[in-house]
PDB file of N, CA and C in Angstrom:
ATOM      1  N   UNK A   1     -25.028  14.094  -2.809  1.00  0.00           N
ATOM      2  CA  UNK A   1     -25.018  13.460  -1.506  1.00  0.00           C
ATOM      3  C   UNK A   1     -23.672  12.767  -1.305  1.00  0.00           C
ATOM      4  N   UNK A   2     -23.055  13.008  -0.207  1.00  0.00           N
ATOM      5  CA  UNK A   2     -21.738  12.430   0.094  1.00  0.00           C
ATOM      6  C   UNK A   2     -21.889  11.000   0.592  1.00  0.00           C
ATOM      7  N   UNK A   3     -20.876  10.208   0.323  1.00  0.00           N
ATOM      8  CA  UNK A   3     -20.876   8.826   0.810  1.00  0.00           C
ATOM      9  C   UNK A   3     -20.542   8.798   2.290  1.00  0.00           C
ATOM     10  N   UNK A   4     -21.101   7.826   2.958  1.00  0.00           N
ATOM     11  CA  UNK A   4     -20.757   7.629   4.361  1.00  0.00           C
ATOM     12  C   UNK A   4     -19.393   6.953   4.419  1.00  0.00           C
ATOM     13  N   UNK A   5     -18.516   7.354   5.330  1.00  0.00           N
ATOM     14  CA  UNK A   5     -17.191   6.739   5.413  1.00  0.00           C
ATOM     15  C   UNK A   5     -17.229   5.241   5.674  1.00  0.00           C
ATOM     16  N   UNK A   6     -18.250   4.750   6.345  1.00  0.00           N
ATOM     17  CA  UNK A   6     -18.299   3.324   6.656  1.00  0.00           C
ATOM     18  C   UNK A   6     -18.794   2.484   5.483  1.00  0.00           C
ATOM     19  N   UNK A   7     -19.262   3.118   4.413  1.00  0.00           N
ATOM     20  CA  UNK A   7     -19.846   2.365   3.312  1.00  0.00           C
ATOM     21  C   UNK A   7     -18.810   1.870   2.306  1.00  0.00           C
ATOM     22  N   UNK A   8     -17.567   2.256   2.464  1.00  0.00           N
ATOM     23  CA  UNK A   8     -16.541   1.790   1.539  1.00  0.00           C
ATOM     24  C   UNK A   8     -15.224   1.623   2.272  1.00  0.00           C
ATOM     25  N   UNK A   9     -14.348   0.846   1.674  1.00  0.00           N
ATOM     26  CA  UNK A   9     -13.017   0.663   2.258  1.00  0.00           C
ATOM     27  C   UNK A   9     -11.984   0.890   1.168  1.00  0.00           C
ATOM     28  N   UNK A  10     -10.804   1.276   1.579  1.00  0.00           N
ATOM     29  CA  UNK A  10      -9.724   1.525   0.641  1.00  0.00           C
ATOM     30  C   UNK A  10      -8.591   0.567   0.944  1.00  0.00           C
ATOM     31  N   UNK A  11      -8.102  -0.095  -0.082  1.00  0.00           N
ATOM     32  CA  UNK A  11      -6.987  -1.022   0.089  1.00  0.00           C
ATOM     33  C   UNK A  11      -5.675  -0.255   0.130  1.00  0.00           C
ATOM     34  N   UNK A  12      -4.696  -0.808   0.808  1.00  0.00           N
ATOM     35  CA  UNK A  12      -3.369  -0.190   0.855  1.00  0.00           C
ATOM     36  C   UNK A  12      -2.640  -0.468  -0.456  1.00  0.00           C
ATOM     37  N   UNK A  13      -1.522   0.216  -0.663  1.00  0.00           N
ATOM     38  CA  UNK A  13      -0.737   0.012  -1.883  1.00  0.00           C
ATOM     39  C   UNK A  13      -0.242  -1.424  -1.991  1.00  0.00           C
ATOM     40  N   UNK A  14       0.157  -2.013  -0.873  1.00  0.00           N
ATOM     41  CA  UNK A  14       0.630  -3.399  -0.891  1.00  0.00           C
ATOM     42  C   UNK A  14      -0.506  -4.354  -1.253  1.00  0.00           C
ATOM     43  N   UNK A  15      -1.705  -4.094  -0.742  1.00  0.00           N
ATOM     44  CA  UNK A  15      -2.847  -4.944  -1.069  1.00  0.00           C
ATOM     45  C   UNK A  15      -3.225  -4.809  -2.543  1.00  0.00           C
ATOM     46  N   UNK A  16      -3.160  -3.595  -3.066  1.00  0.00           N
ATOM     47  CA  UNK A  16      -3.450  -3.388  -4.488  1.00  0.00           C
ATOM     48  C   UNK A  16      -2.426  -4.109  -5.354  1.00  0.00           C
ATOM     49  N   UNK A  17      -1.171  -4.070  -4.949  1.00  0.00           N
ATOM     50  CA  UNK A  17      -0.122  -4.777  -5.678  1.00  0.00           C
ATOM     51  C   UNK A  17      -0.377  -6.282  -5.649  1.00  0.00           C
ATOM     52  N   UNK A  18      -0.786  -6.796  -4.512  1.00  0.00           N
ATOM     53  CA  UNK A  18      -1.086  -8.222  -4.383  1.00  0.00           C
ATOM     54  C   UNK A  18      -2.275  -8.618  -5.259  1.00  0.00           C
ATOM     55  N   UNK A  19      -3.265  -7.757  -5.353  1.00  0.00           N
ATOM     56  CA  UNK A  19      -4.415  -8.018  -6.218  1.00  0.00           C
ATOM     57  C   UNK A  19      -3.986  -8.066  -7.685  1.00  0.00           C
ATOM     58  N   UNK A  20      -3.105  -7.159  -8.092  1.00  0.00           N
ATOM     59  CA  UNK A  20      -2.581  -7.173  -9.468  1.00  0.00           C
ATOM     60  C   UNK A  20      -1.781  -8.444  -9.734  1.00  0.00           C
ATOM     61  N   UNK A  21      -0.995  -8.870  -8.764  1.00  0.00           N
ATOM     62  CA  UNK A  21      -0.205 -10.095  -8.902  1.00  0.00           C
ATOM     63  C   UNK A  21      -1.115 -11.306  -9.047  1.00  0.00           C
ATOM     64  N   UNK A  22      -2.182 -11.348  -8.263  1.00  0.00           N
ATOM     65  CA  UNK A  22      -3.126 -12.467  -8.332  1.00  0.00           C
ATOM     66  C   UNK A  22      -3.844 -12.477  -9.680  1.00  0.00           C
ATOM     67  N   UNK A  23      -4.210 -11.306 -10.180  1.00  0.00           N
ATOM     68  CA  UNK A  23      -4.881 -11.227 -11.479  1.00  0.00           C
ATOM     69  C   UNK A  23      -3.956 -11.699 -12.597  1.00  0.00           C
ATOM     70  N   UNK A  24      -2.663 -11.397 -12.487  1.00  0.00           N
ATOM     71  CA  UNK A  24      -1.700 -11.854 -13.495  1.00  0.00           C
ATOM     72  C   UNK A  24      -1.482 -13.361 -13.396  1.00  0.00           C
ATOM     73  N   UNK A  25      -1.524 -13.901 -12.184  1.00  0.00           N
ATOM     74  CA  UNK A  25      -1.320 -15.340 -11.991  1.00  0.00           C
ATOM     75  C   UNK A  25      -2.541 -16.148 -12.420  1.00  0.00           C
ATOM     76  N   UNK A  26      -3.715 -15.546 -12.340  1.00  0.00           N
ATOM     77  CA  UNK A  26      -4.969 -16.223 -12.704  1.00  0.00           C
ATOM     78  C   UNK A  26      -5.683 -15.419 -13.793  1.00  0.00           C
ATOM     79  N   UNK A  27      -5.194 -15.438 -15.037  1.00  0.00           N
ATOM     80  CA  UNK A  27      -5.789 -14.593 -16.082  1.00  0.00           C
ATOM     81  C   UNK A  27      -7.225 -14.972 -16.451  1.00  0.00           C
ATOM     82  N   UNK A  28      -7.648 -16.178 -16.127  1.00  0.00           N
ATOM     83  CA  UNK A  28      -9.008 -16.599 -16.483  1.00  0.00           C
ATOM     84  C   UNK A  28     -10.053 -16.136 -15.466  1.00  0.00           C
ATOM     85  N   UNK A  29      -9.626 -15.579 -14.342  1.00  0.00           N
ATOM     86  CA  UNK A  29     -10.563 -15.149 -13.314  1.00  0.00           C
ATOM     87  C   UNK A  29     -11.345 -13.927 -13.774  1.00  0.00           C
ATOM     88  N   UNK A  30     -12.604 -13.876 -13.375  1.00  0.00           N
ATOM     89  CA  UNK A  30     -13.441 -12.715 -13.656  1.00  0.00           C
ATOM     90  C   UNK A  30     -13.260 -11.688 -12.538  1.00  0.00           C
ATOM     91  N   UNK A  31     -13.835 -10.506 -12.761  1.00  0.00           N
ATOM     92  CA  UNK A  31     -13.761  -9.472 -11.722  1.00  0.00           C
ATOM     93  C   UNK A  31     -14.490  -9.920 -10.455  1.00  0.00           C
ATOM     94  N   UNK A  32     -15.562 -10.681 -10.629  1.00  0.00           N
ATOM     95  CA  UNK A  32     -16.302 -11.175  -9.458  1.00  0.00           C
ATOM     96  C   UNK A  32     -15.447 -12.142  -8.641  1.00  0.00           C
ATOM     97  N   UNK A  33     -14.681 -12.989  -9.320  1.00  0.00           N
ATOM     98  CA  UNK A  33     -13.808 -13.913  -8.599  1.00  0.00           C
ATOM     99  C   UNK A  33     -12.686 -13.163  -7.888  1.00  0.00           C
ATOM    100  N   UNK A  34     -12.128 -12.144  -8.541  1.00  0.00           N
ATOM    101  CA  UNK A  34     -11.106 -11.314  -7.888  1.00  0.00           C
ATOM    102  C   UNK A  34     -11.700 -10.569  -6.693  1.00  0.00           C
ATOM    103  N   UNK A  35     -12.934 -10.119  -6.847  1.00  0.00           N
ATOM    104  CA  UNK A  35     -13.610  -9.427  -5.753  1.00  0.00           C
ATOM    105  C   UNK A  35     -13.771 -10.367  -4.553  1.00  0.00           C
ATOM    106  N   UNK A  36     -14.220 -11.582  -4.810  1.00  0.00           N
ATOM    107  CA  UNK A  36     -14.382 -12.560  -3.724  1.00  0.00           C
ATOM    108  C   UNK A  36     -13.045 -12.897  -3.074  1.00  0.00           C
ATOM    109  N   UNK A  37     -12.030 -13.106  -3.888  1.00  0.00           N
ATOM    110  CA  UNK A  37     -10.701 -13.428  -3.356  1.00  0.00           C
ATOM    111  C   UNK A  37     -10.176 -12.276  -2.496  1.00  0.00           C
ATOM    112  N   UNK A  38     -10.320 -11.039  -2.992  1.00  0.00           N
ATOM    113  CA  UNK A  38      -9.856  -9.876  -2.243  1.00  0.00           C
ATOM    114  C   UNK A  38     -10.591  -9.701  -0.925  1.00  0.00           C
ATOM    115  N   UNK A  39     -11.897  -9.948  -0.935  1.00  0.00           N
ATOM    116  CA  UNK A  39     -12.673  -9.831   0.305  1.00  0.00           C
ATOM    117  C   UNK A  39     -12.222 -10.855   1.337  1.00  0.00           C
ATOM    118  N   UNK A  40     -11.965 -12.076   0.889  1.00  0.00           N
ATOM    119  CA  UNK A  40     -11.511 -13.118   1.817  1.00  0.00           C
ATOM    120  C   UNK A  40     -10.078 -12.872   2.273  1.00  0.00           C
ATOM    121  N   UNK A  41      -9.217 -12.481   1.362  1.00  0.00           N
ATOM    122  CA  UNK A  41      -7.786 -12.319   1.664  1.00  0.00           C
ATOM    123  C   UNK A  41      -7.527 -11.129   2.582  1.00  0.00           C
ATOM    124  N   UNK A  42      -8.200 -10.005   2.303  1.00  0.00           N
ATOM    125  CA  UNK A  42      -7.911  -8.767   3.031  1.00  0.00           C
ATOM    126  C   UNK A  42      -8.885  -8.511   4.181  1.00  0.00           C
ATOM    127  N   UNK A  43      -9.902  -9.338   4.317  1.00  0.00           N
ATOM    128  CA  UNK A  43     -10.876  -9.212   5.401  1.00  0.00           C
ATOM    129  C   UNK A  43     -11.584  -7.855   5.405  1.00  0.00           C
ATOM    130  N   UNK A  44     -11.798  -7.290   4.228  1.00  0.00           N
ATOM    131  CA  UNK A  44     -12.571  -6.063   4.066  1.00  0.00           C
ATOM    132  C   UNK A  44     -13.496  -6.263   2.869  1.00  0.00           C
ATOM    133  N   UNK A  45     -14.638  -5.596   2.858  1.00  0.00           N
ATOM    134  CA  UNK A  45     -15.524  -5.744   1.703  1.00  0.00           C
ATOM    135  C   UNK A  45     -14.919  -5.078   0.468  1.00  0.00           C
ATOM    136  N   UNK A  46     -14.787  -5.850  -0.593  1.00  0.00           N
ATOM    137  CA  UNK A  46     -14.263  -5.339  -1.861  1.00  0.00           C
ATOM    138  C   UNK A  46     -15.406  -5.375  -2.861  1.00  0.00           C
ATOM    139  N   UNK A  47     -15.735  -4.236  -3.431  1.00  0.00           N
ATOM    140  CA  UNK A  47     -16.832  -4.175  -4.393  1.00  0.00           C
ATOM    141  C   UNK A  47     -16.344  -4.597  -5.776  1.00  0.00           C
ATOM    142  N   UNK A  48     -17.284  -4.855  -6.650  1.00  0.00           N
ATOM    143  CA  UNK A  48     -16.960  -5.385  -7.972  1.00  0.00           C
ATOM    144  C   UNK A  48     -16.104  -4.416  -8.795  1.00  0.00           C
ATOM    145  N   UNK A  49     -16.323  -3.124  -8.650  1.00  0.00           N
ATOM    146  CA  UNK A  49     -15.572  -2.148  -9.443  1.00  0.00           C
ATOM    147  C   UNK A  49     -14.155  -1.926  -8.921  1.00  0.00           C
ATOM    148  N   UNK A  50     -13.870  -2.355  -7.702  1.00  0.00           N
ATOM    149  CA  UNK A  50     -12.544  -2.138  -7.120  1.00  0.00           C
ATOM    150  C   UNK A  50     -11.436  -2.829  -7.906  1.00  0.00           C
ATOM    151  N   UNK A  51     -11.532  -4.141  -8.189  1.00  0.00           N
ATOM    152  CA  UNK A  51     -10.460  -4.775  -8.971  1.00  0.00           C
ATOM    153  C   UNK A  51     -10.304  -4.168 -10.364  1.00  0.00           C
ATOM    154  N   UNK A  52     -11.414  -3.769 -10.962  1.00  0.00           N
ATOM    155  CA  UNK A  52     -11.355  -3.182 -12.297  1.00  0.00           C
ATOM    156  C   UNK A  52     -10.548  -1.886 -12.279  1.00  0.00           C
ATOM    157  N   UNK A  53     -10.813  -1.021 -11.316  1.00  0.00           N
ATOM    158  CA  UNK A  53     -10.080   0.238 -11.221  1.00  0.00           C
ATOM    159  C   UNK A  53      -8.613   0.027 -10.894  1.00  0.00           C
ATOM    160  N   UNK A  54      -8.335  -0.950 -10.039  1.00  0.00           N
ATOM    161  CA  UNK A  54      -6.945  -1.238  -9.667  1.00  0.00           C
ATOM    162  C   UNK A  54      -6.180  -1.792 -10.862  1.00  0.00           C
ATOM    163  N   UNK A  55      -6.805  -2.696 -11.611  1.00  0.00           N
ATOM    164  CA  UNK A  55      -6.121  -3.297 -12.759  1.00  0.00           C
ATOM    165  C   UNK A  55      -5.890  -2.291 -13.881  1.00  0.00           C
ATOM    166  N   UNK A  56      -6.742  -1.274 -13.986  1.00  0.00           N
ATOM    167  CA  UNK A  56      -6.517  -0.223 -14.983  1.00  0.00           C
ATOM    168  C   UNK A  56      -5.243   0.559 -14.677  1.00  0.00           C
ATOM    169  N   UNK A  57      -4.939   0.699 -13.385  1.00  0.00           N
ATOM    170  CA  UNK A  57      -3.768   1.476 -12.965  1.00  0.00           C
ATOM    171  C   UNK A  57      -2.706   0.586 -12.332  1.00  0.00           C
ATOM    172  N   UNK A  58      -2.578  -0.640 -12.799  1.00  0.00           N
ATOM    173  CA  UNK A  58      -1.683  -1.599 -12.142  1.00  0.00           C
ATOM    174  C   UNK A  58      -0.216  -1.185 -12.180  1.00  0.00           C
ATOM    175  N   UNK A  59       0.199  -0.422 -13.171  1.00  0.00           N
ATOM    176  CA  UNK A  59       1.608  -0.002 -13.213  1.00  0.00           C
ATOM    177  C   UNK A  59       1.939   0.971 -12.073  1.00  0.00           C
ATOM    178  N   UNK A  60       0.927   1.620 -11.518  1.00  0.00           N
ATOM    179  CA  UNK A  60       1.150   2.534 -10.390  1.00  0.00           C
ATOM    180  C   UNK A  60       1.444   1.795  -9.092  1.00  0.00           C
ATOM    181  N   UNK A  61       1.078   0.514  -9.023  1.00  0.00           N
ATOM    182  CA  UNK A  61       1.218  -0.233  -7.778  1.00  0.00           C
ATOM    183  C   UNK A  61       2.392  -1.199  -7.789  1.00  0.00           C
ATOM    184  N   UNK A  62       3.208  -1.171  -8.825  1.00  0.00           N
ATOM    185  CA  UNK A  62       4.331  -2.098  -8.911  1.00  0.00           C
ATOM    186  C   UNK A  62       5.568  -1.610  -8.177  1.00  0.00           C
ATOM    187  N   UNK A  63       5.810  -0.323  -8.195  1.00  0.00           N
ATOM    188  CA  UNK A  63       7.064   0.193  -7.659  1.00  0.00           C
ATOM    189  C   UNK A  63       6.776   1.305  -6.649  1.00  0.00           C
ATOM    190  N   UNK A  64       6.875   0.970  -5.382  1.00  0.00           N
ATOM    191  CA  UNK A  64       6.734   1.972  -4.332  1.00  0.00           C
ATOM    192  C   UNK A  64       7.661   1.585  -3.192  1.00  0.00           C
ATOM    193  N   UNK A  65       8.182   2.567  -2.456  1.00  0.00           N
ATOM    194  CA  UNK A  65       9.102   2.266  -1.355  1.00  0.00           C
ATOM    195  C   UNK A  65       8.414   1.461  -0.252  1.00  0.00           C
ATOM    196  N   UNK A  66       9.171   0.630   0.413  1.00  0.00           N
ATOM    197  CA  UNK A  66       8.629  -0.235   1.465  1.00  0.00           C
ATOM    198  C   UNK A  66       7.917   0.542   2.576  1.00  0.00           C
ATOM    199  N   UNK A  67       8.454   1.673   3.053  1.00  0.00           N
ATOM    200  CA  UNK A  67       7.732   2.390   4.115  1.00  0.00           C
ATOM    201  C   UNK A  67       6.358   2.897   3.674  1.00  0.00           C
ATOM    202  N   UNK A  68       6.127   2.987   2.364  1.00  0.00           N
ATOM    203  CA  UNK A  68       4.859   3.507   1.861  1.00  0.00           C
ATOM    204  C   UNK A  68       3.838   2.399   1.612  1.00  0.00           C
ATOM    205  N   UNK A  69       4.179   1.157   1.902  1.00  0.00           N
ATOM    206  CA  UNK A  69       3.303   0.040   1.542  1.00  0.00           C
ATOM    207  C   UNK A  69       1.982   0.044   2.302  1.00  0.00           C
ATOM    208  N   UNK A  70       1.935   0.642   3.467  1.00  0.00           N
ATOM    209  CA  UNK A  70       0.689   0.657   4.231  1.00  0.00           C
ATOM    210  C   UNK A  70      -0.197   1.847   3.885  1.00  0.00           C
ATOM    211  N   UNK A  71       0.302   2.734   3.059  1.00  0.00           N
ATOM    212  CA  UNK A  71      -0.498   3.888   2.665  1.00  0.00           C
ATOM    213  C   UNK A  71      -1.619   3.468   1.734  1.00  0.00           C
ATOM    214  N   UNK A  72      -2.632   4.278   1.688  1.00  0.00           N
ATOM    215  CA  UNK A  72      -3.771   4.006   0.819  1.00  0.00           C
ATOM    216  C   UNK A  72      -3.567   4.586  -0.577  1.00  0.00           C
ATOM    217  N   UNK A  73      -2.818   5.664  -0.666  1.00  0.00           N
ATOM    218  CA  UNK A  73      -2.611   6.325  -1.957  1.00  0.00           C
ATOM    219  C   UNK A  73      -1.142   6.687  -2.123  1.00  0.00           C
ATOM    220  N   UNK A  74      -0.776   6.895  -3.394  1.00  0.00           N
ATOM    221  CA  UNK A  74       0.564   7.404  -3.677  1.00  0.00           C
ATOM    222  C   UNK A  74       0.632   8.852  -3.225  1.00  0.00           C
ATOM    223  N   UNK A  75       1.800   9.277  -2.853  1.00  0.00           N
ATOM    224  CA  UNK A  75       1.969  10.683  -2.519  1.00  0.00           C
ATOM    225  C   UNK A  75       2.785  11.351  -3.624  1.00  0.00           C
ATOM    226  N   UNK A  76       2.725  12.656  -3.657  1.00  0.00           N
ATOM    227  CA  UNK A  76       3.439  13.418  -4.670  1.00  0.00           C
ATOM    228  C   UNK A  76       4.944  13.253  -4.474  1.00  0.00           C
ATOM    229  N   UNK A  77       5.727  13.362  -5.548  1.00  0.00           N
ATOM    230  CA  UNK A  77       7.187  13.212  -5.420  1.00  0.00           C
ATOM    231  C   UNK A  77       7.828  14.129  -4.378  1.00  0.00           C
ATOM    232  N   UNK A  78       7.418  15.409  -4.264  1.00  0.00           N
ATOM    233  CA  UNK A  78       8.024  16.220  -3.196  1.00  0.00           C
ATOM    234  C   UNK A  78       7.723  15.668  -1.801  1.00  0.00           C
ATOM    235  N   UNK A  79       6.522  15.171  -1.609  1.00  0.00           N
ATOM    236  CA  UNK A  79       6.163  14.585  -0.313  1.00  0.00           C
ATOM    237  C   UNK A  79       6.971  13.325  -0.057  1.00  0.00           C
ATOM    238  N   UNK A  80       7.167  12.512  -1.095  1.00  0.00           N
ATOM    239  CA  UNK A  80       7.953  11.286  -0.958  1.00  0.00           C
ATOM    240  C   UNK A  80       9.400  11.622  -0.602  1.00  0.00           C
ATOM    241  N   UNK A  81       9.961  12.658  -1.236  1.00  0.00           N
ATOM    242  CA  UNK A  81      11.332  13.067  -0.933  1.00  0.00           C
ATOM    243  C   UNK A  81      11.440  13.568   0.507  1.00  0.00           C
ATOM    244  N   UNK A  82      10.452  14.319   0.946  1.00  0.00           N
ATOM    245  CA  UNK A  82      10.450  14.814   2.321  1.00  0.00           C
ATOM    246  C   UNK A  82      10.351  13.655   3.313  1.00  0.00           C
ATOM    247  N   UNK A  83       9.512  12.675   3.012  1.00  0.00           N
ATOM    248  CA  UNK A  83       9.400  11.493   3.875  1.00  0.00           C
ATOM    249  C   UNK A  83      10.720  10.740   3.954  1.00  0.00           C
ATOM    250  N   UNK A  84      11.392  10.593   2.815  1.00  0.00           N
ATOM    251  CA  UNK A  84      12.673   9.886   2.804  1.00  0.00           C
ATOM    252  C   UNK A  84      13.714  10.614   3.649  1.00  0.00           C
ATOM    253  N   UNK A  85      13.743  11.948   3.555  1.00  0.00           N
ATOM    254  CA  UNK A  85      14.674  12.729   4.373  1.00  0.00           C
ATOM    255  C   UNK A  85      14.356  12.575   5.859  1.00  0.00           C
ATOM    256  N   UNK A  86      13.083  12.605   6.178  1.00  0.00           N
ATOM    257  CA  UNK A  86      12.670  12.465   7.573  1.00  0.00           C
ATOM    258  C   UNK A  86      13.038  11.088   8.120  1.00  0.00           C
ATOM    259  N   UNK A  87      12.804  10.043   7.341  1.00  0.00           N
ATOM    260  CA  UNK A  87      13.175   8.695   7.776  1.00  0.00           C
ATOM    261  C   UNK A  87      14.686   8.569   7.955  1.00  0.00           C
ATOM    262  N   UNK A  88      15.449   9.219   7.086  1.00  0.00           N
ATOM    263  CA  UNK A  88      16.907   9.201   7.208  1.00  0.00           C
ATOM    264  C   UNK A  88      17.342   9.890   8.506  1.00  0.00           C
ATOM    265  N   UNK A  89      16.734  11.032   8.823  1.00  0.00           N
ATOM    266  CA  UNK A  89      17.057  11.746  10.061  1.00  0.00           C
ATOM    267  C   UNK A  89      16.695  10.908  11.293  1.00  0.00           C
ATOM    268  N   UNK A  90      15.576  10.212  11.224  1.00  0.00           N
ATOM    269  CA  UNK A  90      15.170   9.354  12.342  1.00  0.00           C
ATOM    270  C   UNK A  90      16.178   8.230  12.533  1.00  0.00           C
ATOM    271  N   UNK A  91      16.627   7.627  11.434  1.00  0.00           N
ATOM    272  CA  UNK A  91      17.633   6.566  11.527  1.00  0.00           C
ATOM    273  C   UNK A  91      18.944   7.090  12.108  1.00  0.00           C
ATOM    274  N   UNK A  92      19.353   8.302  11.697  1.00  0.00           N
ATOM    275  CA  UNK A  92      20.568   8.908  12.251  1.00  0.00           C
ATOM    276  C   UNK A  92      20.417   9.130  13.755  1.00  0.00           C
ATOM    277  N   UNK A  93      19.253   9.626  14.180  1.00  0.00           N
ATOM    278  CA  UNK A  93      19.024   9.873  15.595  1.00  0.00           C
ATOM    279  C   UNK A  93      19.068   8.573  16.387  1.00  0.00           C
ATOM    280  N   UNK A  94      18.442   7.533  15.847  1.00  0.00           N
ATOM    281  CA  UNK A  94      18.451   6.242  16.542  1.00  0.00           C
ATOM    282  C   UNK A  94      19.873   5.720  16.698  1.00  0.00           C
ATOM    283  N   UNK A  95      20.676   5.831  15.655  1.00  0.00           N
ATOM    284  CA  UNK A  95      22.061   5.366  15.728  1.00  0.00           C
ATOM    285  C   UNK A  95      22.843   6.194  16.748  1.00  0.00           C
ATOM    286  N   UNK A  96      22.638   7.508  16.760  1.00  0.00           N
ATOM    287  CA  UNK A  96      23.326   8.377  17.710  1.00  0.00           C
ATOM    288  C   UNK A  96      22.886   8.055  19.132  1.00  0.00           C
ATOM    289  N   UNK A  97      21.586   7.833  19.319  1.00  0.00           N
ATOM    290  CA  UNK A  97      21.051   7.571  20.651  1.00  0.00           C
ATOM    291  C   UNK A  97      21.585   6.246  21.210  1.00  0.00           C
ATOM    292  N   UNK A  98      21.706   5.250  20.371  1.00  0.00           N
ATOM    293  CA  UNK A  98      22.229   3.954  20.818  1.00  0.00           C
ATOM    294  C   UNK A  98      23.691   4.086  21.224  1.00  0.00           C
ATOM    295  N   UNK A  99      24.490   4.805  20.439  1.00  0.00           N
ATOM    296  CA  UNK A  99      25.907   4.957  20.787  1.00  0.00           C
ATOM    297  C   UNK A  99      26.077   5.825  22.027  1.00  0.00           C
ATOM    298  N   UNK A 100      25.153   6.739  22.269  1.00  0.00           N
ATOM    299  CA  UNK A 100      25.223   7.584  23.454  1.00  0.00           C
ATOM    300  C   UNK A 100      24.893   6.777  24.716  1.00  0.00           C
ATOM    301  N   UNK A 101      23.905   5.910  24.621  1.00  0.00           N
ATOM    302  CA  UNK A 101      23.494   5.109  25.783  1.00  0.00           C
ATOM    303  C   UNK A 101      24.439   3.951  26.043  1.00  0.00           C
ATOM    304  N   UNK A 102      24.969   3.370  24.987  1.00  0.00           N
ATOM    305  CA  UNK A 102      25.839   2.204  25.125  1.00  0.00           C
ATOM    306  C   UNK A 102      27.167   2.469  24.414  1.00  0.00           C
ATOM    307  N   UNK A 103      28.034   3.276  24.999  1.00  0.00           N
ATOM    308  CA  UNK A 103      29.309   3.573  24.327  1.00  0.00           C
ATOM    309  C   UNK A 103      30.167   2.316  24.202  1.00  0.00           C
ATOM    310  N   UNK A 104      30.963   2.303  23.147  1.00  0.00           N
ATOM    311  CA  UNK A 104      31.857   1.150  22.919  1.00  0.00           C
ATOM    312  C   UNK A 104      32.892   1.086  24.033  1.00  0.00           C
ATOM    313  N   UNK A 105      33.167  -0.095  24.489  1.00  0.00           N
ATOM    314  CA  UNK A 105      34.135  -0.270  25.582  1.00  0.00           C
ATOM    315  C   UNK A 105      35.524  -0.476  25.069  1.00  0.00           C
TER     316      UNK A 105
END
């Protein structure tokens, strides 16, 4: 039986990183306390197993590019490279468009 989409929520990479940071800052906290803190902080229901799974993979949430912080999951390296190229092209277009509309006097 498949889960209903409304029965669970997924934290973003930035939220997972923040949860790992909080767990490191408060080593005496239990998973239940982390669960309560995460639910209050992120305004989404966080189940008891969520902090446990995140803390098992905490090294995955330490280093990710800023544009990817709102994503829910890591993407494959080829996808990340393609995203970086696309963002670079968008930045080039924006710079070209600004100079076209407002030429230097």
